């Protein structure tokens, strides 16, 4: 099999593993999330560059279908990841609103009136 095909397959598998692993991470760990984002962006860029160098019509249909299934799985994982990130965003938004409300309540409390 073509070296570029093997290389592409290796990087696609890395993207799958990376995306699956981030689904299990605590999103409050900003460093892990930022690292994931940067590394995945680089990885997808490499996958794109490799795929542009492949002469796809010369590749067996079985291999093309295999790549298509793997790419579709990455898309499926992305949908799950977006859902989890939206849940996290909602939690953070609620925490910020609660903190703001508590701050406003404390502002209205006048200590000079307490005996």
PDB file of N, CA and C in Angstrom:
ATOM      1  N   UNK A   1       0.853  -1.188   0.000  1.00  0.00           N
ATOM      2  CA  UNK A   1       0.000   0.000   0.000  1.00  0.00           C
ATOM      3  C   UNK A   1       0.893   1.244   0.000  1.00  0.00           C
ATOM      4  N   UNK A   2       0.411   2.270  -0.553  1.00  0.00           N
ATOM      5  CA  UNK A   2       1.103   3.546  -0.667  1.00  0.00           C
ATOM      6  C   UNK A   2       1.486   4.087   0.720  1.00  0.00           C
ATOM      7  N   UNK A   3       2.702   4.650   0.831  1.00  0.00           N
ATOM      8  CA  UNK A   3       3.168   5.203   2.121  1.00  0.00           C
ATOM      9  C   UNK A   3       2.269   6.340   2.598  1.00  0.00           C
ATOM     10  N   UNK A   4       1.789   7.135   1.668  1.00  0.00           N
ATOM     11  CA  UNK A   4       0.934   8.266   2.045  1.00  0.00           C
ATOM     12  C   UNK A   4      -0.396   7.774   2.619  1.00  0.00           C
ATOM     13  N   UNK A   5      -0.895   6.683   2.090  1.00  0.00           N
ATOM     14  CA  UNK A   5      -2.144   6.105   2.605  1.00  0.00           C
ATOM     15  C   UNK A   5      -1.933   5.607   4.029  1.00  0.00           C
ATOM     16  N   UNK A   6      -0.807   4.928   4.258  1.00  0.00           N
ATOM     17  CA  UNK A   6      -0.504   4.432   5.606  1.00  0.00           C
ATOM     18  C   UNK A   6      -0.344   5.587   6.587  1.00  0.00           C
ATOM     19  N   UNK A   7       0.339   6.633   6.134  1.00  0.00           N
ATOM     20  CA  UNK A   7       0.543   7.810   6.977  1.00  0.00           C
ATOM     21  C   UNK A   7      -0.795   8.486   7.291  1.00  0.00           C
ATOM     22  N   UNK A   8      -1.636   8.610   6.272  1.00  0.00           N
ATOM     23  CA  UNK A   8      -2.950   9.218   6.471  1.00  0.00           C
ATOM     24  C   UNK A   8      -3.768   8.401   7.464  1.00  0.00           C
ATOM     25  N   UNK A   9      -3.748   7.085   7.311  1.00  0.00           N
ATOM     26  CA  UNK A   9      -4.490   6.219   8.218  1.00  0.00           C
ATOM     27  C   UNK A   9      -3.987   6.392   9.650  1.00  0.00           C
ATOM     28  N   UNK A  10      -2.687   6.458   9.814  1.00  0.00           N
ATOM     29  CA  UNK A  10      -2.101   6.638  11.157  1.00  0.00           C
ATOM     30  C   UNK A  10      -2.574   7.941  11.797  1.00  0.00           C
ATOM     31  N   UNK A  11      -2.576   9.020  11.038  1.00  0.00           N
ATOM     32  CA  UNK A  11      -2.989  10.311  11.591  1.00  0.00           C
ATOM     33  C   UNK A  11      -4.495  10.361  11.856  1.00  0.00           C
ATOM     34  N   UNK A  12      -5.281   9.704  11.033  1.00  0.00           N
ATOM     35  CA  UNK A  12      -6.727   9.668  11.278  1.00  0.00           C
ATOM     36  C   UNK A  12      -7.017   8.905  12.561  1.00  0.00           C
ATOM     37  N   UNK A  13      -6.318   7.806  12.759  1.00  0.00           N
ATOM     38  CA  UNK A  13      -6.500   7.039  13.997  1.00  0.00           C
ATOM     39  C   UNK A  13      -6.085   7.877  15.204  1.00  0.00           C
ATOM     40  N   UNK A  14      -5.011   8.639  15.081  1.00  0.00           N
ATOM     41  CA  UNK A  14      -4.599   9.527  16.178  1.00  0.00           C
ATOM     42  C   UNK A  14      -5.690  10.562  16.464  1.00  0.00           C
ATOM     43  N   UNK A  15      -6.311  11.084  15.433  1.00  0.00           N
ATOM     44  CA  UNK A  15      -7.386  12.068  15.621  1.00  0.00           C
ATOM     45  C   UNK A  15      -8.577  11.434  16.336  1.00  0.00           C
ATOM     46  N   UNK A  16      -8.884  10.203  15.990  1.00  0.00           N
ATOM     47  CA  UNK A  16      -9.987   9.501  16.646  1.00  0.00           C
ATOM     48  C   UNK A  16      -9.671   9.293  18.126  1.00  0.00           C
ATOM     49  N   UNK A  17      -8.483   8.789  18.403  1.00  0.00           N
ATOM     50  CA  UNK A  17      -8.077   8.531  19.794  1.00  0.00           C
ATOM     51  C   UNK A  17      -8.075   9.823  20.597  1.00  0.00           C
ATOM     52  N   UNK A  18      -7.544  10.883  20.015  1.00  0.00           N
ATOM     53  CA  UNK A  18      -7.472  12.169  20.706  1.00  0.00           C
ATOM     54  C   UNK A  18      -8.872  12.697  21.018  1.00  0.00           C
ATOM     55  N   UNK A  19      -9.773  12.584  20.059  1.00  0.00           N
ATOM     56  CA  UNK A  19     -11.127  13.100  20.254  1.00  0.00           C
ATOM     57  C   UNK A  19     -11.886  12.253  21.272  1.00  0.00           C
ATOM     58  N   UNK A  20     -11.713  10.941  21.217  1.00  0.00           N
ATOM     59  CA  UNK A  20     -12.364  10.074  22.197  1.00  0.00           C
ATOM     60  C   UNK A  20     -11.871  10.384  23.609  1.00  0.00           C
ATOM     61  N   UNK A  21     -10.578  10.644  23.740  1.00  0.00           N
ATOM     62  CA  UNK A  21     -10.025  10.895  25.076  1.00  0.00           C
ATOM     63  C   UNK A  21     -10.500  12.222  25.655  1.00  0.00           C
ATOM     64  N   UNK A  22     -10.707  13.234  24.827  1.00  0.00           N
ATOM     65  CA  UNK A  22     -11.137  14.534  25.351  1.00  0.00           C
ATOM     66  C   UNK A  22     -12.592  14.485  25.806  1.00  0.00           C
ATOM     67  N   UNK A  23     -13.350  13.525  25.322  1.00  0.00           N
ATOM     68  CA  UNK A  23     -14.741  13.393  25.759  1.00  0.00           C
ATOM     69  C   UNK A  23     -14.833  12.999  27.225  1.00  0.00           C
ATOM     70  N   UNK A  24     -13.757  12.441  27.778  1.00  0.00           N
ATOM     71  CA  UNK A  24     -13.753  11.974  29.166  1.00  0.00           C
ATOM     72  C   UNK A  24     -13.072  12.951  30.129  1.00  0.00           C
ATOM     73  N   UNK A  25     -12.595  14.068  29.632  1.00  0.00           N
ATOM     74  CA  UNK A  25     -11.826  15.022  30.438  1.00  0.00           C
ATOM     75  C   UNK A  25     -12.756  16.002  31.148  1.00  0.00           C
ATOM     76  N   UNK A  26     -12.312  16.489  32.305  1.00  0.00           N
ATOM     77  CA  UNK A  26     -13.016  17.561  33.008  1.00  0.00           C
ATOM     78  C   UNK A  26     -12.702  18.865  32.273  1.00  0.00           C
ATOM     79  N   UNK A  27     -13.713  19.490  31.732  1.00  0.00           N
ATOM     80  CA  UNK A  27     -13.500  20.682  30.910  1.00  0.00           C
ATOM     81  C   UNK A  27     -13.066  21.898  31.715  1.00  0.00           C
ATOM     82  N   UNK A  28     -13.076  21.780  33.028  1.00  0.00           N
ATOM     83  CA  UNK A  28     -12.588  22.880  33.868  1.00  0.00           C
ATOM     84  C   UNK A  28     -11.067  22.989  33.795  1.00  0.00           C
ATOM     85  N   UNK A  29     -10.429  21.947  33.308  1.00  0.00           N
ATOM     86  CA  UNK A  29      -8.976  21.955  33.147  1.00  0.00           C
ATOM     87  C   UNK A  29      -8.653  22.676  31.836  1.00  0.00           C
ATOM     88  N   UNK A  30      -8.523  23.991  31.937  1.00  0.00           N
ATOM     89  CA  UNK A  30      -8.315  24.826  30.750  1.00  0.00           C
ATOM     90  C   UNK A  30      -7.069  24.440  29.972  1.00  0.00           C
ATOM     91  N   UNK A  31      -6.037  24.014  30.680  1.00  0.00           N
ATOM     92  CA  UNK A  31      -4.774  23.680  30.018  1.00  0.00           C
ATOM     93  C   UNK A  31      -4.956  22.470  29.111  1.00  0.00           C
ATOM     94  N   UNK A  32      -5.633  21.436  29.600  1.00  0.00           N
ATOM     95  CA  UNK A  32      -5.871  20.246  28.778  1.00  0.00           C
ATOM     96  C   UNK A  32      -6.733  20.589  27.569  1.00  0.00           C
ATOM     97  N   UNK A  33      -7.748  21.384  27.779  1.00  0.00           N
ATOM     98  CA  UNK A  33      -8.656  21.752  26.698  1.00  0.00           C
ATOM     99  C   UNK A  33      -7.928  22.587  25.638  1.00  0.00           C
ATOM    100  N   UNK A  34      -7.119  23.531  26.074  1.00  0.00           N
ATOM    101  CA  UNK A  34      -6.363  24.355  25.132  1.00  0.00           C
ATOM    102  C   UNK A  34      -5.343  23.515  24.378  1.00  0.00           C
ATOM    103  N   UNK A  35      -4.686  22.619  25.077  1.00  0.00           N
ATOM    104  CA  UNK A  35      -3.708  21.735  24.451  1.00  0.00           C
ATOM    105  C   UNK A  35      -4.382  20.839  23.418  1.00  0.00           C
ATOM    106  N   UNK A  36      -5.537  20.279  23.781  1.00  0.00           N
ATOM    107  CA  UNK A  36      -6.287  19.443  22.854  1.00  0.00           C
ATOM    108  C   UNK A  36      -6.633  20.228  21.596  1.00  0.00           C
ATOM    109  N   UNK A  37      -7.138  21.428  21.773  1.00  0.00           N
ATOM    110  CA  UNK A  37      -7.561  22.244  20.642  1.00  0.00           C
ATOM    111  C   UNK A  37      -6.397  22.526  19.697  1.00  0.00           C
ATOM    112  N   UNK A  38      -5.266  22.932  20.254  1.00  0.00           N
ATOM    113  CA  UNK A  38      -4.101  23.241  19.430  1.00  0.00           C
ATOM    114  C   UNK A  38      -3.566  21.999  18.721  1.00  0.00           C
ATOM    115  N   UNK A  39      -3.429  20.904  19.465  1.00  0.00           N
ATOM    116  CA  UNK A  39      -2.889  19.681  18.875  1.00  0.00           C
ATOM    117  C   UNK A  39      -3.820  19.107  17.813  1.00  0.00           C
ATOM    118  N   UNK A  40      -5.102  19.160  18.080  1.00  0.00           N
ATOM    119  CA  UNK A  40      -6.053  18.618  17.108  1.00  0.00           C
ATOM    120  C   UNK A  40      -6.073  19.464  15.844  1.00  0.00           C
ATOM    121  N   UNK A  41      -5.967  20.758  16.010  1.00  0.00           N
ATOM    122  CA  UNK A  41      -5.934  21.642  14.842  1.00  0.00           C
ATOM    123  C   UNK A  41      -4.724  21.320  13.969  1.00  0.00           C
ATOM    124  N   UNK A  42      -3.570  21.122  14.611  1.00  0.00           N
ATOM    125  CA  UNK A  42      -2.365  20.750  13.860  1.00  0.00           C
ATOM    126  C   UNK A  42      -2.545  19.401  13.169  1.00  0.00           C
ATOM    127  N   UNK A  43      -3.111  18.450  13.907  1.00  0.00           N
ATOM    128  CA  UNK A  43      -3.306  17.110  13.375  1.00  0.00           C
ATOM    129  C   UNK A  43      -4.233  17.122  12.159  1.00  0.00           C
ATOM    130  N   UNK A  44      -5.319  17.850  12.241  1.00  0.00           N
ATOM    131  CA  UNK A  44      -6.258  17.927  11.117  1.00  0.00           C
ATOM    132  C   UNK A  44      -5.635  18.649   9.924  1.00  0.00           C
ATOM    133  N   UNK A  45      -4.776  19.612  10.202  1.00  0.00           N
ATOM    134  CA  UNK A  45      -4.067  20.295   9.123  1.00  0.00           C
ATOM    135  C   UNK A  45      -3.128  19.325   8.404  1.00  0.00           C
ATOM    136  N   UNK A  46      -2.444  18.495   9.171  1.00  0.00           N
ATOM    137  CA  UNK A  46      -1.542  17.492   8.578  1.00  0.00           C
ATOM    138  C   UNK A  46      -2.345  16.488   7.755  1.00  0.00           C
ATOM    139  N   UNK A  47      -3.478  16.046   8.304  1.00  0.00           N
ATOM    140  CA  UNK A  47      -4.338  15.110   7.572  1.00  0.00           C
ATOM    141  C   UNK A  47      -4.775  15.720   6.252  1.00  0.00           C
ATOM    142  N   UNK A  48      -5.143  16.983   6.272  1.00  0.00           N
ATOM    143  CA  UNK A  48      -5.566  17.679   5.061  1.00  0.00           C
ATOM    144  C   UNK A  48      -4.426  17.739   4.048  1.00  0.00           C
ATOM    145  N   UNK A  49      -3.226  18.071   4.503  1.00  0.00           N
ATOM    146  CA  UNK A  49      -2.078  18.162   3.601  1.00  0.00           C
ATOM    147  C   UNK A  49      -1.739  16.807   2.982  1.00  0.00           C
ATOM    148  N   UNK A  50      -1.798  15.759   3.794  1.00  0.00           N
ATOM    149  CA  UNK A  50      -1.503  14.420   3.271  1.00  0.00           C
ATOM    150  C   UNK A  50      -2.564  14.005   2.260  1.00  0.00           C
ATOM    151  N   UNK A  51      -3.832  14.243   2.590  1.00  0.00           N
ATOM    152  CA  UNK A  51      -4.912  13.806   1.694  1.00  0.00           C
ATOM    153  C   UNK A  51      -4.861  14.515   0.341  1.00  0.00           C
ATOM    154  N   UNK A  52      -4.335  15.734   0.319  1.00  0.00           N
ATOM    155  CA  UNK A  52      -4.215  16.464  -0.944  1.00  0.00           C
ATOM    156  C   UNK A  52      -3.159  15.843  -1.852  1.00  0.00           C
ATOM    157  N   UNK A  53      -2.198  15.141  -1.272  1.00  0.00           N
ATOM    158  CA  UNK A  53      -1.115  14.548  -2.051  1.00  0.00           C
ATOM    159  C   UNK A  53      -1.438  13.138  -2.550  1.00  0.00           C
ATOM    160  N   UNK A  54      -2.581  12.625  -2.165  1.00  0.00           N
ATOM    161  CA  UNK A  54      -2.951  11.270  -2.558  1.00  0.00           C
ATOM    162  C   UNK A  54      -3.761  11.314  -3.852  1.00  0.00           C
ATOM    163  N   UNK A  55      -3.424  10.412  -4.748  1.00  0.00           N
ATOM    164  CA  UNK A  55      -4.170  10.270  -5.997  1.00  0.00           C
ATOM    165  C   UNK A  55      -5.348   9.334  -5.716  1.00  0.00           C
ATOM    166  N   UNK A  56      -6.458   9.911  -5.283  1.00  0.00           N
ATOM    167  CA  UNK A  56      -7.600   9.128  -4.804  1.00  0.00           C
ATOM    168  C   UNK A  56      -8.186   8.176  -5.838  1.00  0.00           C
ATOM    169  N   UNK A  57      -8.284   8.545  -7.097  1.00  0.00           N
ATOM    170  CA  UNK A  57      -8.843   7.582  -8.073  1.00  0.00           C
ATOM    171  C   UNK A  57      -8.020   6.284  -8.195  1.00  0.00           C
ATOM    172  N   UNK A  58      -6.741   6.355  -7.870  1.00  0.00           N
ATOM    173  CA  UNK A  58      -5.910   5.152  -7.971  1.00  0.00           C
ATOM    174  C   UNK A  58      -5.994   4.263  -6.723  1.00  0.00           C
ATOM    175  N   UNK A  59      -6.676   4.734  -5.686  1.00  0.00           N
ATOM    176  CA  UNK A  59      -6.799   3.986  -4.432  1.00  0.00           C
ATOM    177  C   UNK A  59      -7.994   3.045  -4.531  1.00  0.00           C
ATOM    178  N   UNK A  60      -7.806   1.829  -4.024  1.00  0.00           N
ATOM    179  CA  UNK A  60      -8.888   0.847  -4.055  1.00  0.00           C
ATOM    180  C   UNK A  60     -10.116   1.394  -3.322  1.00  0.00           C
ATOM    181  N   UNK A  61     -11.254   1.058  -3.843  1.00  0.00           N
ATOM    182  CA  UNK A  61     -12.505   1.557  -3.263  1.00  0.00           C
ATOM    183  C   UNK A  61     -12.667   1.105  -1.813  1.00  0.00           C
ATOM    184  N   UNK A  62     -12.171  -0.076  -1.492  1.00  0.00           N
ATOM    185  CA  UNK A  62     -12.267  -0.590  -0.124  1.00  0.00           C
ATOM    186  C   UNK A  62     -11.542   0.353   0.849  1.00  0.00           C
ATOM    187  N   UNK A  63     -10.384   0.830   0.455  1.00  0.00           N
ATOM    188  CA  UNK A  63      -9.618   1.753   1.314  1.00  0.00           C
ATOM    189  C   UNK A  63     -10.289   3.122   1.386  1.00  0.00           C
ATOM    190  N   UNK A  64     -10.834   3.571   0.283  1.00  0.00           N
ATOM    191  CA  UNK A  64     -11.537   4.865   0.293  1.00  0.00           C
ATOM    192  C   UNK A  64     -12.752   4.808   1.210  1.00  0.00           C
ATOM    193  N   UNK A  65     -13.477   3.696   1.158  1.00  0.00           N
ATOM    194  CA  UNK A  65     -14.644   3.540   2.028  1.00  0.00           C
ATOM    195  C   UNK A  65     -14.229   3.464   3.497  1.00  0.00           C
ATOM    196  N   UNK A  66     -13.100   2.817   3.756  1.00  0.00           N
ATOM    197  CA  UNK A  66     -12.588   2.742   5.127  1.00  0.00           C
ATOM    198  C   UNK A  66     -12.263   4.143   5.651  1.00  0.00           C
ATOM    199  N   UNK A  67     -11.604   4.958   4.835  1.00  0.00           N
ATOM    200  CA  UNK A  67     -11.303   6.334   5.237  1.00  0.00           C
ATOM    201  C   UNK A  67     -12.587   7.124   5.438  1.00  0.00           C
ATOM    202  N   UNK A  68     -13.536   6.909   4.573  1.00  0.00           N
ATOM    203  CA  UNK A  68     -14.810   7.619   4.694  1.00  0.00           C
ATOM    204  C   UNK A  68     -15.491   7.270   6.022  1.00  0.00           C
ATOM    205  N   UNK A  69     -15.492   5.978   6.388  1.00  0.00           N
ATOM    206  CA  UNK A  69     -16.100   5.563   7.665  1.00  0.00           C
ATOM    207  C   UNK A  69     -15.371   6.206   8.842  1.00  0.00           C
ATOM    208  N   UNK A  70     -14.064   6.259   8.786  1.00  0.00           N
ATOM    209  CA  UNK A  70     -13.292   6.851   9.887  1.00  0.00           C
ATOM    210  C   UNK A  70     -13.560   8.354   9.996  1.00  0.00           C
ATOM    211  N   UNK A  71     -13.646   9.019   8.877  1.00  0.00           N
ATOM    212  CA  UNK A  71     -13.942  10.461   8.878  1.00  0.00           C
ATOM    213  C   UNK A  71     -15.347  10.708   9.423  1.00  0.00           C
ATOM    214  N   UNK A  72     -16.291   9.877   9.033  1.00  0.00           N
ATOM    215  CA  UNK A  72     -17.658  10.004   9.548  1.00  0.00           C
ATOM    216  C   UNK A  72     -17.683   9.770  11.058  1.00  0.00           C
ATOM    217  N   UNK A  73     -16.867   8.850  11.539  1.00  0.00           N
ATOM    218  CA  UNK A  73     -16.796   8.600  12.983  1.00  0.00           C
ATOM    219  C   UNK A  73     -16.225   9.821  13.702  1.00  0.00           C
ATOM    220  N   UNK A  74     -15.229  10.451  13.116  1.00  0.00           N
ATOM    221  CA  UNK A  74     -14.678  11.684  13.709  1.00  0.00           C
ATOM    222  C   UNK A  74     -15.765  12.756  13.764  1.00  0.00           C
ATOM    223  N   UNK A  75     -16.552  12.867  12.723  1.00  0.00           N
ATOM    224  CA  UNK A  75     -17.656  13.839  12.714  1.00  0.00           C
ATOM    225  C   UNK A  75     -18.663  13.523  13.823  1.00  0.00           C
ATOM    226  N   UNK A  76     -18.967  12.226  14.005  1.00  0.00           N
ATOM    227  CA  UNK A  76     -19.871  11.797  15.070  1.00  0.00           C
ATOM    228  C   UNK A  76     -19.306  12.199  16.437  1.00  0.00           C
ATOM    229  N   UNK A  77     -17.998  11.960  16.637  1.00  0.00           N
ATOM    230  CA  UNK A  77     -17.355  12.340  17.895  1.00  0.00           C
ATOM    231  C   UNK A  77     -17.391  13.851  18.094  1.00  0.00           C
ATOM    232  N   UNK A  78     -17.221  14.591  17.004  1.00  0.00           N
ATOM    233  CA  UNK A  78     -17.277  16.055  17.084  1.00  0.00           C
ATOM    234  C   UNK A  78     -18.643  16.533  17.554  1.00  0.00           C
ATOM    235  N   UNK A  79     -19.698  15.887  17.082  1.00  0.00           N
ATOM    236  CA  UNK A  79     -21.050  16.259  17.506  1.00  0.00           C
ATOM    237  C   UNK A  79     -21.199  16.014  19.008  1.00  0.00           C
ATOM    238  N   UNK A  80     -20.701  14.863  19.475  1.00  0.00           N
ATOM    239  CA  UNK A  80     -20.752  14.573  20.914  1.00  0.00           C
ATOM    240  C   UNK A  80     -19.935  15.599  21.695  1.00  0.00           C
ATOM    241  N   UNK A  81     -18.764  15.953  21.187  1.00  0.00           N
ATOM    242  CA  UNK A  81     -17.903  16.917  21.854  1.00  0.00           C
ATOM    243  C   UNK A  81     -18.562  18.284  21.929  1.00  0.00           C
ATOM    244  N   UNK A  82     -19.183  18.697  20.851  1.00  0.00           N
ATOM    245  CA  UNK A  82     -19.876  19.990  20.844  1.00  0.00           C
ATOM    246  C   UNK A  82     -21.001  19.984  21.875  1.00  0.00           C
ATOM    247  N   UNK A  83     -21.723  18.879  21.967  1.00  0.00           N
ATOM    248  CA  UNK A  83     -22.790  18.773  22.962  1.00  0.00           C
ATOM    249  C   UNK A  83     -22.250  18.895  24.378  1.00  0.00           C
ATOM    250  N   UNK A  84     -21.139  18.203  24.659  1.00  0.00           N
ATOM    251  CA  UNK A  84     -20.546  18.268  26.000  1.00  0.00           C
ATOM    252  C   UNK A  84     -20.028  19.674  26.296  1.00  0.00           C
ATOM    253  N   UNK A  85     -19.436  20.318  25.303  1.00  0.00           N
ATOM    254  CA  UNK A  85     -18.936  21.677  25.511  1.00  0.00           C
ATOM    255  C   UNK A  85     -20.082  22.660  25.726  1.00  0.00           C
ATOM    256  N   UNK A  86     -21.191  22.440  25.054  1.00  0.00           N
ATOM    257  CA  UNK A  86     -22.356  23.310  25.263  1.00  0.00           C
ATOM    258  C   UNK A  86     -22.930  23.111  26.661  1.00  0.00           C
ATOM    259  N   UNK A  87     -22.930  21.877  27.153  1.00  0.00           N
ATOM    260  CA  UNK A  87     -23.370  21.613  28.524  1.00  0.00           C
ATOM    261  C   UNK A  87     -22.460  22.340  29.512  1.00  0.00           C
ATOM    262  N   UNK A  88     -21.157  22.245  29.277  1.00  0.00           N
ATOM    263  CA  UNK A  88     -20.190  22.908  30.151  1.00  0.00           C
ATOM    264  C   UNK A  88     -20.384  24.422  30.103  1.00  0.00           C
ATOM    265  N   UNK A  89     -20.614  24.945  28.914  1.00  0.00           N
ATOM    266  CA  UNK A  89     -20.839  26.383  28.768  1.00  0.00           C
ATOM    267  C   UNK A  89     -22.066  26.808  29.569  1.00  0.00           C
ATOM    268  N   UNK A  90     -23.109  26.004  29.520  1.00  0.00           N
ATOM    269  CA  UNK A  90     -24.333  26.298  30.268  1.00  0.00           C
ATOM    270  C   UNK A  90     -24.064  26.292  31.775  1.00  0.00           C
ATOM    271  N   UNK A  91     -23.277  25.315  32.243  1.00  0.00           N
ATOM    272  CA  UNK A  91     -22.933  25.259  33.668  1.00  0.00           C
ATOM    273  C   UNK A  91     -22.153  26.499  34.090  1.00  0.00           C
ATOM    274  N   UNK A  92     -21.187  26.893  33.280  1.00  0.00           N
ATOM    275  CA  UNK A  92     -20.368  28.064  33.601  1.00  0.00           C
ATOM    276  C   UNK A  92     -21.237  29.316  33.612  1.00  0.00           C
ATOM    277  N   UNK A  93     -22.144  29.404  32.655  1.00  0.00           N
ATOM    278  CA  UNK A  93     -23.033  30.567  32.588  1.00  0.00           C
ATOM    279  C   UNK A  93     -23.883  30.654  33.859  1.00  0.00           C
ATOM    280  N   UNK A  94     -24.415  29.519  34.321  1.00  0.00           N
ATOM    281  CA  UNK A  94     -25.218  29.505  35.545  1.00  0.00           C
ATOM    282  C   UNK A  94     -24.379  29.922  36.753  1.00  0.00           C
ATOM    283  N   UNK A  95     -23.137  29.434  36.817  1.00  0.00           N
ATOM    284  CA  UNK A  95     -22.245  29.803  37.925  1.00  0.00           C
ATOM    285  C   UNK A  95     -21.955  31.298  37.926  1.00  0.00           C
ATOM    286  N   UNK A  96     -21.726  31.862  36.749  1.00  0.00           N
ATOM    287  CA  UNK A  96     -21.452  33.301  36.645  1.00  0.00           C
ATOM    288  C   UNK A  96     -22.682  34.095  37.068  1.00  0.00           C
ATOM    289  N   UNK A  97     -23.849  33.676  36.620  1.00  0.00           N
ATOM    290  CA  UNK A  97     -25.084  34.374  36.995  1.00  0.00           C
ATOM    291  C   UNK A  97     -25.317  34.301  38.504  1.00  0.00           C
ATOM    292  N   UNK A  98     -25.067  33.141  39.093  1.00  0.00           N
ATOM    293  CA  UNK A  98     -25.240  32.972  40.534  1.00  0.00           C
ATOM    294  C   UNK A  98     -24.252  33.854  41.300  1.00  0.00           C
ATOM    295  N   UNK A  99     -23.011  33.868  40.848  1.00  0.00           N
ATOM    296  CA  UNK A  99     -21.996  34.699  41.503  1.00  0.00           C
ATOM    297  C   UNK A  99     -22.367  36.179  41.417  1.00  0.00           C
ATOM    298  N   UNK A 100     -22.832  36.613  40.246  1.00  0.00           N
ATOM    299  CA  UNK A 100     -23.230  38.005  40.063  1.00  0.00           C
ATOM    300  C   UNK A 100     -24.408  38.342  40.975  1.00  0.00           C
ATOM    301  N   UNK A 101     -25.371  37.431  41.052  1.00  0.00           N
ATOM    302  CA  UNK A 101     -26.542  37.661  41.899  1.00  0.00           C
ATOM    303  C   UNK A 101     -26.134  37.754  43.369  1.00  0.00           C
ATOM    304  N   UNK A 102     -25.228  36.880  43.796  1.00  0.00           N
ATOM    305  CA  UNK A 102     -24.757  36.912  45.185  1.00  0.00           C
ATOM    306  C   UNK A 102     -24.008  38.214  45.461  1.00  0.00           C
ATOM    307  N   UNK A 103     -23.235  38.669  44.503  1.00  0.00           N
ATOM    308  CA  UNK A 103     -22.502  39.933  44.663  1.00  0.00           C
ATOM    309  C   UNK A 103     -23.487  41.092  44.819  1.00  0.00           C
ATOM    310  N   UNK A 104     -24.524  41.081  44.008  1.00  0.00           N
ATOM    311  CA  UNK A 104     -25.529  42.135  44.091  1.00  0.00           C
ATOM    312  C   UNK A 104     -26.253  42.095  45.436  1.00  0.00           C
ATOM    313  N   UNK A 105     -26.515  40.900  45.955  1.00  0.00           N
ATOM    314  CA  UNK A 105     -27.175  40.771  47.261  1.00  0.00           C
ATOM    315  C   UNK A 105     -26.288  41.313  48.376  1.00  0.00           C
ATOM    316  N   UNK A 106     -24.997  41.056  48.286  1.00  0.00           N
ATOM    317  CA  UNK A 106     -24.070  41.540  49.310  1.00  0.00           C
ATOM    318  C   UNK A 106     -23.944  43.053  49.225  1.00  0.00           C
ATOM    319  N   UNK A 107     -23.984  43.603  48.042  1.00  0.00           N
ATOM    320  CA  UNK A 107     -23.913  45.059  47.865  1.00  0.00           C
ATOM    321  C   UNK A 107     -25.038  45.749  48.621  1.00  0.00           C
ATOM    322  N   UNK A 108     -26.226  45.202  48.588  1.00  0.00           N
ATOM    323  CA  UNK A 108     -27.383  45.817  49.217  1.00  0.00           C
ATOM    324  C   UNK A 108     -27.421  45.630  50.724  1.00  0.00           C
ATOM    325  N   UNK A 109     -26.514  44.889  51.264  1.00  0.00           N
ATOM    326  CA  UNK A 109     -26.488  44.624  52.705  1.00  0.00           C
ATOM    327  C   UNK A 109     -25.697  45.734  53.375  1.00  0.00           C
ATOM    328  N   UNK A 110     -26.333  46.468  54.270  1.00  0.00           N
ATOM    329  CA  UNK A 110     -25.704  47.610  54.931  1.00  0.00           C
ATOM    330  C   UNK A 110     -25.271  47.182  56.324  1.00  0.00           C
ATOM    331  N   UNK A 111     -23.960  47.060  56.540  1.00  0.00           N
ATOM    332  CA  UNK A 111     -23.428  46.620  57.821  1.00  0.00           C
ATOM    333  C   UNK A 111     -23.584  47.654  58.933  1.00  0.00           C
ATOM    334  N   UNK A 112     -23.718  48.908  58.572  1.00  0.00           N
ATOM    335  CA  UNK A 112     -23.834  49.947  59.605  1.00  0.00           C
ATOM    336  C   UNK A 112     -25.165  49.872  60.339  1.00  0.00           C
ATOM    337  N   UNK A 113     -26.139  49.194  59.764  1.00  0.00           N
ATOM    338  CA  UNK A 113     -27.443  49.072  60.402  1.00  0.00           C
ATOM    339  C   UNK A 113     -27.503  47.876  61.348  1.00  0.00           C
ATOM    340  N   UNK A 114     -26.508  47.019  61.332  1.00  0.00           N
ATOM    341  CA  UNK A 114     -26.483  45.826  62.183  1.00  0.00           C
ATOM    342  C   UNK A 114     -25.947  46.214  63.556  1.00  0.00           C
ATOM    343  N   UNK A 115     -26.658  45.812  64.642  1.00  0.00           N
ATOM    344  CA  UNK A 115     -26.208  46.128  65.991  1.00  0.00           C
ATOM    345  C   UNK A 115     -25.628  44.916  66.646  1.00  0.00           C
TER     346      UNK A 115
END
